[in-house]
Amino acid sequence: MLDSHAWTMNLIRSAAKLSPSNKSIRLLSQRGLGEIGKCPNINETIFVSLTWWQMEDCEMPSPTPSRMGVKLPCQNEAHMSSVRISMVREQLRRVIDEDSYAPHYVPIGPYHRSRSSPWIEKTKKRSAGFLQSLSEEHTEGGLTGVMEKLEPLARELYTSGGGLGDMTPEQSSSMLLHDACYLLLFFVDYMSGNRAPPAPADDDEHPVSRNTLVRDAVFLRENQIPFFLLQGIHERVTGGTTSVLDYIAMPIQELLQQQLFISRKPRPPPPTCSHLLHLVHAYFRPTLQPTKSAAMCGTVVTGRWRRAAEYSRYANVRLMRRDFQDGVESSVLDVQLEGGTLWIPRLRVDSNTWTILRNLMALEEQAHRRPVTAYCLFMSQLACTAEDVQLLRRAGIVDHFLGNDEQVSKDLAGLCNGVVIDIDDLDRNYLKPMWHQLENRFYSRAERFIGGFRHGQSWEITAAFLMALIVIACQAMQTFYAVARGGH
């Protein structure tokens, strides 16, 4: 295992090959860490080195950055490919309303900059001006030059057409600076004496709810900027080495808690994260351990989920709402089958629910594990008719604010249109073992009989059962009277 000094030097030498124009990195790579005092913004230098490692999809050697005291603001579980910010697949855009992936009012990054408006641009410029004034208290020149240093890294991350390719470095640096400052003031409370963040001007026309602004700024895959831009500005503003992720993680948690996606137990920030939607996805993790039968269904082909009404009638499954417990880390993905009871956390459906889930599924196409996609597939097939939604609503599992159950079932049925997932891969489909357990119950004659009897569906069997009870009762009475007469 490499020690911290050797690890850092290997890292910096690799970064020097990738970024020969960076004088600080070149100086350190040639003369060693003894020259560290001659390098301005050394935290930024080390950070740039780490970012270059990520962009080349390299595996980090030991020791890990966290052990060195350097906190990475972005990195996927396995590969850097997830950090790249690309447009959603054209196949998804064709089968699903494109509006699910586009901002309504606040464009962030290059892909939807044409959707901006004068008032949001004015707000972004005021945000940049305010943070510039704060940064001048800690750093000479304030934010001057910070985006020019990081812009080449950001340019590499926007891989789709319509990204930064048609913008000059000056244009893209200005755009990213304004976007990053807007996001920082949206989530971080920067205060300096009596100075507060800029308030909207009286002449601004912005009849936009905060929910809409949050939708645009947080939940859209195409509307993201990398965390290292936020980190670079944050360090200039605070004059320290704290991670901006520590400041943003809590507001994101509170947002997801309000929307009933996760429990109210506080969670530490994830060790690494690439952008805001990636941070959201880090909290959308099933916390329940796989069942013992998970390894037993490895080679068995998995099929479609059945409707909620079918599980209830023919598999004798009781659908129950799983409430989040105080002090327990849980998420909406924690679906569990215990005996004949299927426990499902409450899903709150409003105007933004489908947008959030679709963008998380689009983000998961770049990852190996796909828990949100597996959950959405489960719900879309479980509640694909108004009858199923009504059943789940009465059980407290679906809590919707749409017009009627028919609309909810229609939206759920189309939630996964165009989505591709290997449902037989347990790493991708964490609900695979539960599907097989439910399927066994569905084909069990005993469970089918009990379920049908409980719902009064098999009227012939019910009538025959009642007739048998009557006959048995008559025979018992006849036997009783016969014995009684014999006694006399």
Protein backbone atom coordinates (compact mmCIF):
# COMPACT_ATOMS: atom_id res chain seq x y z
CA MET A 1 0.00 0.00 0.00
CA LEU A 2 1.28 3.45 -0.88
CA ASP A 3 1.75 5.99 1.90
CA SER A 4 0.07 9.38 1.65
CA HIS A 5 3.19 11.10 0.25
CA ALA A 6 3.71 8.55 -2.53
CA TRP A 7 0.00 8.43 -3.31
CA THR A 8 -0.20 12.20 -3.62
CA MET A 9 2.89 12.39 -5.83
CA ASN A 10 1.55 9.68 -8.17
CA LEU A 11 -1.70 11.58 -8.34
CA ILE A 12 -0.04 14.91 -9.12
CA ARG A 13 2.29 13.43 -11.76
CA SER A 14 -0.70 11.91 -13.55
CA ALA A 15 -2.56 15.20 -13.36
CA ALA A 16 0.50 17.02 -14.74
CA LYS A 17 0.42 14.84 -17.85
CA LEU A 18 -3.25 15.62 -18.34
CA SER A 19 -3.02 19.32 -17.45
CA PRO A 20 0.47 20.53 -18.47
CA SER A 21 -0.65 24.16 -18.43
CA ASN A 22 -1.26 24.15 -14.67
CA LYS A 23 1.93 25.65 -13.20
CA SER A 24 1.23 24.52 -9.64
CA ILE A 25 0.74 20.90 -10.64
CA ARG A 26 3.82 21.01 -12.90
CA LEU A 27 5.97 22.49 -10.12
CA LEU A 28 4.88 19.88 -7.61
CA SER A 29 5.38 17.02 -10.05
CA GLN A 30 8.93 18.15 -10.87
CA ARG A 31 10.25 19.17 -7.43
CA GLY A 32 8.09 17.23 -5.00
CA LEU A 33 5.91 18.24 -2.08
CA GLY A 34 8.72 20.34 -0.62
CA GLU A 35 7.58 23.09 -2.99
CA ILE A 36 4.05 23.00 -1.64
CA GLY A 37 4.44 26.38 0.06
CA LYS A 38 5.19 28.07 -3.28
CA CYS A 39 1.93 26.95 -4.84
CA PRO A 40 -1.04 29.30 -4.59
CA ASN A 41 -4.44 27.76 -3.85
CA ILE A 42 -2.89 24.40 -2.97
CA ASN A 43 -6.25 22.92 -1.97
CA GLU A 44 -7.56 23.75 -5.40
CA THR A 45 -4.42 22.22 -6.94
CA ILE A 46 -4.85 18.92 -5.12
CA PHE A 47 -8.55 19.03 -5.95
CA VAL A 48 -7.90 19.51 -9.66
CA SER A 49 -5.52 16.56 -9.55
CA LEU A 50 -8.20 14.37 -8.00
CA THR A 51 -10.72 15.51 -10.59
CA TRP A 52 -8.39 14.59 -13.44
CA TRP A 53 -8.00 11.13 -11.94
CA GLN A 54 -11.77 10.78 -11.99
CA MET A 55 -12.19 12.07 -15.52
CA GLU A 56 -9.78 9.48 -16.84
CA ASP A 57 -11.92 6.79 -15.18
CA CYS A 58 -8.90 5.67 -13.14
CA GLU A 59 -9.21 3.57 -10.04
CA MET A 60 -7.97 5.47 -7.01
CA PRO A 61 -4.92 3.88 -5.39
CA SER A 62 -4.77 3.58 -1.62
CA PRO A 63 -4.85 5.41 0.66
CA THR A 64 -8.27 6.87 -0.12
CA PRO A 65 -8.75 10.64 -0.39
CA SER A 66 -10.88 10.69 2.76
CA ARG A 67 -7.97 9.27 4.75
CA MET A 68 -5.80 12.10 3.49
CA GLY A 69 -8.35 14.66 4.61
CA VAL A 70 -9.27 15.53 1.01
CA LYS A 71 -12.98 15.22 0.32
CA LEU A 72 -14.01 14.41 -3.21
CA PRO A 73 -17.15 16.21 -4.33
CA CYS A 74 -17.91 13.71 -7.06
CA GLN A 75 -17.34 10.13 -7.95
CA ASN A 76 -19.54 7.16 -8.83
CA GLU A 77 -19.46 3.91 -6.92
CA ALA A 78 -17.31 2.34 -9.59
CA HIS A 79 -16.65 4.61 -12.55
CA MET A 80 -16.42 8.26 -13.42
CA SER A 81 -18.76 7.79 -16.39
CA SER A 82 -21.72 8.61 -14.14
CA VAL A 83 -20.24 12.05 -13.42
CA ARG A 84 -20.53 13.04 -17.05
CA ILE A 85 -23.60 15.17 -17.61
CA SER A 86 -25.32 14.13 -20.82
CA MET A 87 -28.69 14.45 -22.47
CA VAL A 88 -31.30 11.77 -21.87
CA ARG A 89 -31.53 9.02 -24.47
CA GLU A 90 -33.59 9.94 -27.50
CA GLN A 91 -35.68 6.77 -27.07
CA LEU A 92 -36.82 7.98 -23.66
CA ARG A 93 -37.60 11.44 -24.96
CA ARG A 94 -39.79 10.02 -27.72
CA VAL A 95 -41.98 7.80 -25.52
CA ILE A 96 -42.20 10.18 -22.55
CA ASP A 97 -43.13 13.84 -22.46
CA GLU A 98 -39.89 15.77 -23.04
CA ASP A 99 -41.08 18.26 -20.43
CA SER A 100 -40.04 15.74 -17.75
CA TYR A 101 -36.38 16.47 -18.49
CA ALA A 102 -36.43 20.20 -19.26
CA PRO A 103 -36.48 23.14 -16.81
CA HIS A 104 -39.50 25.40 -16.69
CA TYR A 105 -37.80 28.56 -15.44
CA VAL A 106 -34.24 27.97 -14.20
CA PRO A 107 -31.73 26.54 -16.70
CA ILE A 108 -28.54 25.25 -15.10
CA GLY A 109 -25.64 24.34 -17.34
CA PRO A 110 -25.46 24.59 -21.12
CA TYR A 111 -28.15 22.25 -22.46
CA HIS A 112 -31.21 24.45 -21.80
CA ARG A 113 -29.68 27.91 -21.60
CA SER A 114 -32.06 29.13 -24.33
CA ARG A 115 -34.96 28.66 -21.89
CA SER A 116 -33.67 31.36 -19.55
CA SER A 117 -35.54 34.58 -18.86
CA PRO A 118 -34.40 38.13 -18.01
CA TRP A 119 -35.43 37.90 -14.37
CA ILE A 120 -33.59 34.64 -13.69
CA GLU A 121 -30.48 35.97 -15.43
CA LYS A 122 -30.69 39.09 -13.29
CA THR A 123 -31.00 36.94 -10.17
CA LYS A 124 -27.96 34.88 -11.15
CA LYS A 125 -25.85 37.99 -11.77
CA ARG A 126 -26.83 39.45 -8.40
CA SER A 127 -25.91 36.15 -6.75
CA ALA A 128 -22.49 36.21 -8.39
CA GLY A 129 -21.95 39.82 -7.34
CA PHE A 130 -22.86 39.08 -3.74
CA LEU A 131 -20.51 36.09 -3.49
CA GLN A 132 -17.77 38.09 -5.21
CA SER A 133 -17.99 40.70 -2.46
CA LEU A 134 -17.90 38.02 0.25
CA SER A 135 -14.98 36.20 -1.32
CA GLU A 136 -12.90 39.38 -1.43
CA GLU A 137 -12.88 39.33 2.37
CA HIS A 138 -10.97 36.02 2.37
CA THR A 139 -9.22 35.75 -0.99
CA GLU A 140 -7.39 38.40 -2.95
CA GLY A 141 -9.32 39.01 -6.13
CA GLY A 142 -12.36 37.15 -4.86
CA LEU A 143 -13.80 34.83 -7.47
CA THR A 144 -11.61 36.19 -10.24
CA GLY A 145 -10.05 33.36 -12.19
CA VAL A 146 -11.68 30.50 -10.28
CA MET A 147 -13.99 29.49 -13.11
CA GLU A 148 -11.32 29.90 -15.77
CA LYS A 149 -9.24 27.26 -13.97
CA LEU A 150 -12.11 24.80 -13.63
CA GLU A 151 -13.84 25.43 -16.97
CA PRO A 152 -11.66 22.93 -18.92
CA LEU A 153 -12.65 20.20 -16.46
CA ALA A 154 -16.32 21.10 -16.74
CA ARG A 155 -16.12 21.14 -20.53
CA GLU A 156 -15.06 17.47 -20.48
CA LEU A 157 -18.15 16.48 -18.51
CA TYR A 158 -20.80 17.81 -20.92
CA THR A 159 -20.64 15.08 -23.52
CA SER A 160 -23.82 15.61 -25.53
CA GLY A 161 -24.38 17.96 -28.43
CA GLY A 162 -25.53 21.40 -27.38
CA GLY A 163 -23.12 21.43 -24.45
CA LEU A 164 -20.14 23.73 -24.12
CA GLY A 165 -18.76 22.89 -27.54
CA ASP A 166 -20.31 25.91 -29.24
CA MET A 167 -19.30 28.34 -26.48
CA THR A 168 -15.99 30.10 -26.00
CA PRO A 169 -14.17 29.52 -22.69
CA GLU A 170 -15.07 33.05 -21.64
CA GLN A 171 -18.77 32.50 -22.35
CA SER A 172 -18.92 29.14 -20.62
CA SER A 173 -16.94 30.41 -17.61
CA SER A 174 -19.35 33.29 -17.15
CA MET A 175 -22.41 31.05 -17.50
CA LEU A 176 -21.09 28.43 -15.07
CA LEU A 177 -20.07 31.09 -12.55
CA HIS A 178 -23.56 32.62 -12.52
CA ASP A 179 -25.24 29.20 -12.32
CA ALA A 180 -22.98 28.01 -9.51
CA CYS A 181 -23.46 31.17 -7.46
CA TYR A 182 -27.23 30.94 -7.88
CA LEU A 183 -27.24 27.33 -6.62
CA LEU A 184 -24.97 28.12 -3.69
CA LEU A 185 -27.23 30.92 -2.46
CA PHE A 186 -30.26 28.70 -3.04
CA PHE A 187 -28.98 26.17 -0.49
CA VAL A 188 -26.21 27.77 1.60
CA ASP A 189 -26.80 30.63 4.02
CA TYR A 190 -23.80 32.90 3.49
CA MET A 191 -23.91 35.82 5.90
CA SER A 192 -21.31 38.49 6.56
CA GLY A 193 -22.08 41.02 9.26
CA ASN A 194 -25.20 42.91 8.28
CA ARG A 195 -25.02 41.82 4.66
CA ALA A 196 -27.59 39.33 3.44
CA PRO A 197 -28.04 37.58 0.09
CA PRO A 198 -29.64 39.77 -2.57
CA ALA A 199 -33.42 39.91 -2.56
CA PRO A 200 -35.42 40.05 -5.81
CA ALA A 201 -35.87 43.56 -7.14
CA ASP A 202 -39.29 45.16 -7.03
CA ASP A 203 -39.45 45.27 -10.80
CA ASP A 204 -38.85 41.53 -11.15
CA GLU A 205 -41.70 39.45 -12.46
CA HIS A 206 -41.25 36.01 -10.95
CA PRO A 207 -44.60 34.41 -10.09
CA VAL A 208 -42.81 31.11 -9.59
CA SER A 209 -43.21 28.85 -6.57
CA ARG A 210 -40.19 27.52 -4.71
CA ASN A 211 -41.31 23.98 -5.59
CA THR A 212 -40.89 24.82 -9.27
CA LEU A 213 -37.46 26.33 -8.67
CA VAL A 214 -36.41 23.24 -6.71
CA ARG A 215 -37.69 20.99 -9.50
CA ASP A 216 -35.52 22.80 -12.03
CA ALA A 217 -32.42 23.22 -9.88
CA VAL A 218 -32.26 19.77 -8.27
CA PHE A 219 -34.16 16.99 -10.00
CA LEU A 220 -33.36 17.26 -13.73
CA ARG A 221 -30.53 15.16 -15.12
CA GLU A 222 -29.81 17.55 -17.99
CA ASN A 223 -29.91 20.61 -15.72
CA GLN A 224 -26.82 19.97 -13.59
CA ILE A 225 -23.36 21.39 -13.03
CA PRO A 226 -20.53 19.46 -11.35
CA PHE A 227 -20.00 19.87 -7.63
CA PHE A 228 -16.37 20.83 -8.07
CA LEU A 229 -17.51 24.19 -9.47
CA LEU A 230 -19.55 24.80 -6.33
CA GLN A 231 -16.63 23.64 -4.22
CA GLY A 232 -14.20 26.01 -5.93
CA ILE A 233 -16.43 29.03 -5.32
CA HIS A 234 -17.30 27.90 -1.80
CA GLU A 235 -13.62 27.79 -0.81
CA ARG A 236 -13.06 31.29 -2.14
CA VAL A 237 -16.12 32.62 -0.30
CA THR A 238 -15.39 30.98 3.05
CA GLY A 239 -11.62 31.13 2.88
CA GLY A 240 -11.47 27.58 4.21
CA THR A 241 -11.30 23.97 3.15
CA THR A 242 -14.77 22.82 4.22
CA SER A 243 -16.77 20.75 1.78
CA VAL A 244 -19.75 22.39 0.15
CA LEU A 245 -21.40 18.97 0.22
CA ASP A 246 -21.70 19.27 4.01
CA TYR A 247 -23.75 22.44 3.57
CA ILE A 248 -26.01 21.22 0.77
CA ALA A 249 -26.69 17.67 1.97
CA MET A 250 -28.96 18.69 4.85
CA PRO A 251 -31.35 20.88 2.78
CA ILE A 252 -31.61 18.06 0.22
CA GLN A 253 -32.40 15.58 2.99
CA GLU A 254 -35.10 17.86 4.39
CA LEU A 255 -36.56 18.27 0.92
CA LEU A 256 -36.80 14.50 0.40
CA GLN A 257 -38.21 14.02 3.90
CA GLN A 258 -40.98 16.54 3.23
CA GLN A 259 -41.91 14.63 0.09
CA LEU A 260 -41.93 11.31 2.03
CA PHE A 261 -39.15 9.75 -0.03
CA ILE A 262 -36.93 9.08 3.01
CA SER A 263 -37.37 8.85 6.78
CA ARG A 264 -36.55 11.73 9.09
CA LYS A 265 -33.46 10.14 10.58
CA PRO A 266 -30.50 12.46 9.84
CA ARG A 267 -27.93 10.93 7.52
CA PRO A 268 -24.30 11.89 7.00
CA PRO A 269 -23.45 13.23 3.54
CA PRO A 270 -22.38 10.54 1.09
CA PRO A 271 -18.59 10.27 0.83
CA THR A 272 -18.60 11.29 -2.82
CA CYS A 273 -21.08 12.91 -5.15
CA SER A 274 -20.98 14.46 -8.61
CA HIS A 275 -23.94 16.84 -8.79
CA LEU A 276 -27.25 17.57 -7.08
CA LEU A 277 -29.27 14.79 -8.72
CA HIS A 278 -26.48 12.36 -7.87
CA LEU A 279 -26.80 13.51 -4.25
CA VAL A 280 -30.55 12.90 -4.35
CA HIS A 281 -29.95 9.42 -5.73
CA ALA A 282 -27.54 8.66 -2.88
CA TYR A 283 -30.49 8.86 -0.47
CA PHE A 284 -32.77 6.73 -2.66
CA ARG A 285 -31.28 3.45 -1.48
CA PRO A 286 -33.15 0.42 -0.12
CA THR A 287 -31.98 -0.10 3.45
CA LEU A 288 -33.49 -3.55 4.04
CA GLN A 289 -31.17 -6.53 3.71
CA PRO A 290 -31.87 -9.10 0.93
CA THR A 291 -33.81 -12.16 2.05
CA LYS A 292 -32.24 -15.58 2.42
CA SER A 293 -33.99 -16.69 -0.75
CA ALA A 294 -32.06 -14.12 -2.80
CA ALA A 295 -29.36 -16.63 -3.72
CA MET A 296 -31.90 -19.38 -4.46
CA CYS A 297 -33.52 -17.62 -7.43
CA GLY A 298 -30.34 -16.74 -9.27
CA THR A 299 -31.04 -18.84 -12.38
CA VAL A 300 -34.85 -18.68 -12.38
CA VAL A 301 -36.36 -16.43 -15.03
CA THR A 302 -38.20 -13.43 -13.64
CA GLY A 303 -41.43 -12.15 -15.20
CA ARG A 304 -43.84 -9.25 -14.93
CA TRP A 305 -45.27 -8.14 -11.64
CA ARG A 306 -48.95 -8.89 -11.24
CA ARG A 307 -51.59 -6.33 -10.39
CA ALA A 308 -52.31 -5.47 -6.77
CA ALA A 309 -55.84 -6.83 -7.10
CA GLU A 310 -54.50 -10.14 -8.42
CA TYR A 311 -52.05 -10.55 -5.56
CA SER A 312 -54.82 -9.79 -3.09
CA ARG A 313 -57.42 -12.14 -4.61
CA TYR A 314 -55.41 -15.05 -5.92
CA ALA A 315 -52.23 -15.04 -3.79
CA ASN A 316 -53.93 -14.13 -0.50
CA VAL A 317 -51.56 -11.18 -0.04
CA ARG A 318 -52.48 -8.41 2.35
CA LEU A 319 -51.24 -4.99 1.15
CA MET A 320 -50.13 -2.81 4.04
CA ARG A 321 -48.48 0.60 4.34
CA ARG A 322 -44.98 0.56 5.78
CA ASP A 323 -44.56 3.61 8.00
CA PHE A 324 -41.15 5.14 8.59
CA GLN A 325 -39.98 4.56 12.16
CA ASP A 326 -38.40 7.30 14.26
CA GLY A 327 -34.64 6.98 14.41
CA VAL A 328 -34.51 4.37 11.63
CA GLU A 329 -32.98 5.07 8.23
CA SER A 330 -35.54 4.11 5.56
CA SER A 331 -36.59 5.09 2.06
CA VAL A 332 -39.58 4.67 -0.20
CA LEU A 333 -37.72 1.77 -1.85
CA ASP A 334 -37.97 -0.41 1.29
CA VAL A 335 -40.60 -2.84 0.01
CA GLN A 336 -40.78 -6.10 1.95
CA LEU A 337 -42.83 -9.31 1.96
CA GLU A 338 -43.37 -10.83 5.41
CA GLY A 339 -45.43 -14.00 5.30
CA GLY A 340 -48.62 -13.04 3.52
CA THR A 341 -48.23 -9.28 4.07
CA LEU A 342 -46.65 -7.03 1.46
CA TRP A 343 -45.31 -3.92 3.20
CA ILE A 344 -44.97 -0.90 0.89
CA PRO A 345 -43.93 2.61 2.01
CA ARG A 346 -46.35 5.39 1.18
CA LEU A 347 -45.84 7.00 -2.21
CA ARG A 348 -46.95 10.60 -2.33
CA VAL A 349 -47.98 11.52 -5.86
CA ASP A 350 -48.06 15.16 -6.91
CA SER A 351 -47.18 17.17 -9.99
CA ASN A 352 -43.43 16.56 -9.59
CA THR A 353 -43.36 12.88 -8.59
CA TRP A 354 -43.07 11.45 -12.10
CA THR A 355 -40.41 14.01 -13.05
CA ILE A 356 -38.27 13.05 -10.06
CA LEU A 357 -38.56 9.31 -10.64
CA ARG A 358 -37.97 9.54 -14.41
CA ASN A 359 -34.83 11.61 -14.00
CA LEU A 360 -33.48 9.26 -11.35
CA MET A 361 -34.11 6.33 -13.70
CA ALA A 362 -32.33 8.21 -16.49
CA LEU A 363 -29.39 8.83 -14.15
CA GLU A 364 -29.27 5.13 -13.24
CA GLU A 365 -28.69 4.18 -16.86
CA GLN A 366 -25.08 5.24 -16.22
CA ALA A 367 -24.75 3.05 -13.10
CA HIS A 368 -24.57 -0.67 -12.39
CA ARG A 369 -27.10 -0.85 -9.56
CA ARG A 370 -30.56 0.45 -10.45
CA PRO A 371 -32.78 0.38 -7.37
CA VAL A 372 -35.02 3.29 -8.39
CA THR A 373 -35.68 1.69 -11.78
CA ALA A 374 -36.53 -1.64 -10.15
CA TYR A 375 -38.92 0.10 -7.74
CA CYS A 376 -40.62 2.10 -10.52
CA LEU A 377 -41.08 -1.06 -12.58
CA PHE A 378 -42.68 -2.74 -9.57
CA MET A 379 -45.10 0.13 -8.91
CA SER A 380 -45.95 0.68 -12.57
CA GLN A 381 -47.09 -2.93 -12.98
CA LEU A 382 -48.60 -3.28 -9.51
CA ALA A 383 -50.92 -0.27 -9.92
CA CYS A 384 -51.64 -0.11 -13.65
CA THR A 385 -55.45 0.12 -13.36
CA ALA A 386 -57.82 2.35 -11.43
CA GLU A 387 -58.93 -0.67 -9.39
CA ASP A 388 -55.36 -1.26 -8.23
CA VAL A 389 -54.79 2.40 -7.36
CA GLN A 390 -58.03 2.44 -5.39
CA LEU A 391 -56.92 -0.66 -3.48
CA LEU A 392 -53.54 0.89 -2.68
CA ARG A 393 -55.08 4.24 -1.81
CA ARG A 394 -57.45 2.65 0.68
CA ALA A 395 -54.49 0.82 2.21
CA GLY A 396 -52.69 4.16 2.60
CA ILE A 397 -49.91 3.14 0.21
CA VAL A 398 -50.68 5.65 -2.56
CA ASP A 399 -51.47 9.20 -1.49
CA HIS A 400 -52.18 11.26 -4.59
CA PHE A 401 -53.26 14.79 -5.35
CA LEU A 402 -54.28 14.20 -8.96
CA GLY A 403 -57.77 14.30 -10.39
CA ASN A 404 -58.76 10.66 -9.90
CA ASP A 405 -57.46 7.11 -9.57
CA GLU A 406 -57.73 6.59 -13.32
CA GLN A 407 -55.22 9.38 -13.99
CA VAL A 408 -52.78 7.99 -11.42
CA SER A 409 -53.00 4.48 -12.89
CA LYS A 410 -52.44 5.84 -16.39
CA ASP A 411 -49.35 7.77 -15.26
CA LEU A 412 -47.97 4.80 -13.35
CA ALA A 413 -48.55 2.42 -16.25
CA GLY A 414 -46.48 4.69 -18.52
CA LEU A 415 -43.81 5.52 -15.96
CA CYS A 416 -41.27 3.03 -17.32
CA ASN A 417 -41.99 3.38 -21.04
CA GLY A 418 -38.69 3.20 -22.91
CA VAL A 419 -36.78 2.05 -19.81
CA VAL A 420 -34.48 -0.96 -20.22
CA ILE A 421 -33.36 -3.08 -17.27
CA ASP A 422 -32.19 -6.66 -16.82
CA ILE A 423 -34.76 -7.88 -14.29
CA ASP A 424 -32.93 -11.21 -13.90
CA ASP A 425 -29.79 -9.48 -12.61
CA LEU A 426 -30.05 -9.32 -8.82
CA ASP A 427 -27.52 -6.49 -8.68
CA ARG A 428 -29.80 -4.37 -10.83
CA ASN A 429 -33.20 -5.63 -9.65
CA TYR A 430 -33.12 -5.78 -5.86
CA LEU A 431 -36.80 -6.87 -5.78
CA LYS A 432 -36.21 -10.05 -7.78
CA PRO A 433 -36.40 -12.43 -4.75
CA MET A 434 -39.73 -10.92 -3.71
CA TRP A 435 -41.17 -11.47 -7.18
CA HIS A 436 -40.44 -15.19 -6.92
CA GLN A 437 -41.96 -15.41 -3.44
CA LEU A 438 -45.14 -13.73 -4.63
CA GLU A 439 -45.27 -15.92 -7.72
CA ASN A 440 -45.09 -19.06 -5.57
CA ARG A 441 -48.02 -17.79 -3.51
CA PHE A 442 -49.96 -16.97 -6.66
CA TYR A 443 -49.74 -20.58 -7.89
CA SER A 444 -50.40 -22.12 -4.47
CA ARG A 445 -53.85 -23.78 -4.47
CA ALA A 446 -54.27 -23.19 -0.76
CA GLU A 447 -53.46 -19.48 -1.00
CA ARG A 448 -55.64 -19.11 -4.08
CA PHE A 449 -58.58 -20.76 -2.31
CA ILE A 450 -58.19 -18.65 0.83
CA GLY A 451 -57.73 -15.47 -1.17
CA GLY A 452 -60.72 -16.19 -3.38
CA PHE A 453 -62.85 -17.09 -0.38
CA ARG A 454 -61.77 -13.95 1.49
CA HIS A 455 -62.83 -11.77 -1.45
CA GLY A 456 -65.96 -13.78 -2.25
CA GLN A 457 -64.78 -14.35 -5.82
CA SER A 458 -65.35 -18.14 -6.04
CA TRP A 459 -69.07 -18.12 -5.36
CA GLU A 460 -69.49 -21.74 -6.38
CA ILE A 461 -66.89 -22.82 -3.82
CA THR A 462 -68.42 -20.52 -1.22
CA ALA A 463 -71.90 -21.91 -1.85
CA ALA A 464 -70.64 -25.48 -1.71
CA PHE A 465 -68.79 -24.74 1.52
CA LEU A 466 -71.94 -23.28 3.11
CA MET A 467 -74.04 -26.23 1.93
CA ALA A 468 -71.49 -28.61 3.44
CA LEU A 469 -71.71 -26.76 6.74
CA ILE A 470 -75.51 -27.01 6.67
CA VAL A 471 -75.40 -30.74 5.92
CA ILE A 472 -72.87 -31.33 8.70
CA ALA A 473 -75.02 -29.33 11.12
CA CYS A 474 -78.14 -31.30 10.14
CA GLN A 475 -76.34 -34.61 10.55
CA ALA A 476 -75.02 -33.53 13.94
CA MET A 477 -78.51 -32.56 15.09
CA GLN A 478 -79.98 -35.82 13.76
CA THR A 479 -77.33 -37.83 15.59
CA PHE A 480 -77.94 -35.88 18.79
CA TYR A 481 -81.71 -36.53 18.75
CA ALA A 482 -81.21 -40.18 17.87
CA VAL A 483 -78.92 -40.64 20.84
CA ALA A 484 -81.33 -38.71 23.06
CA ARG A 485 -84.29 -40.97 22.08
CA GLY A 486 -82.22 -44.09 22.60
CA GLY A 487 -81.46 -42.97 26.13
CA HIS A 488 -85.17 -42.76 26.98
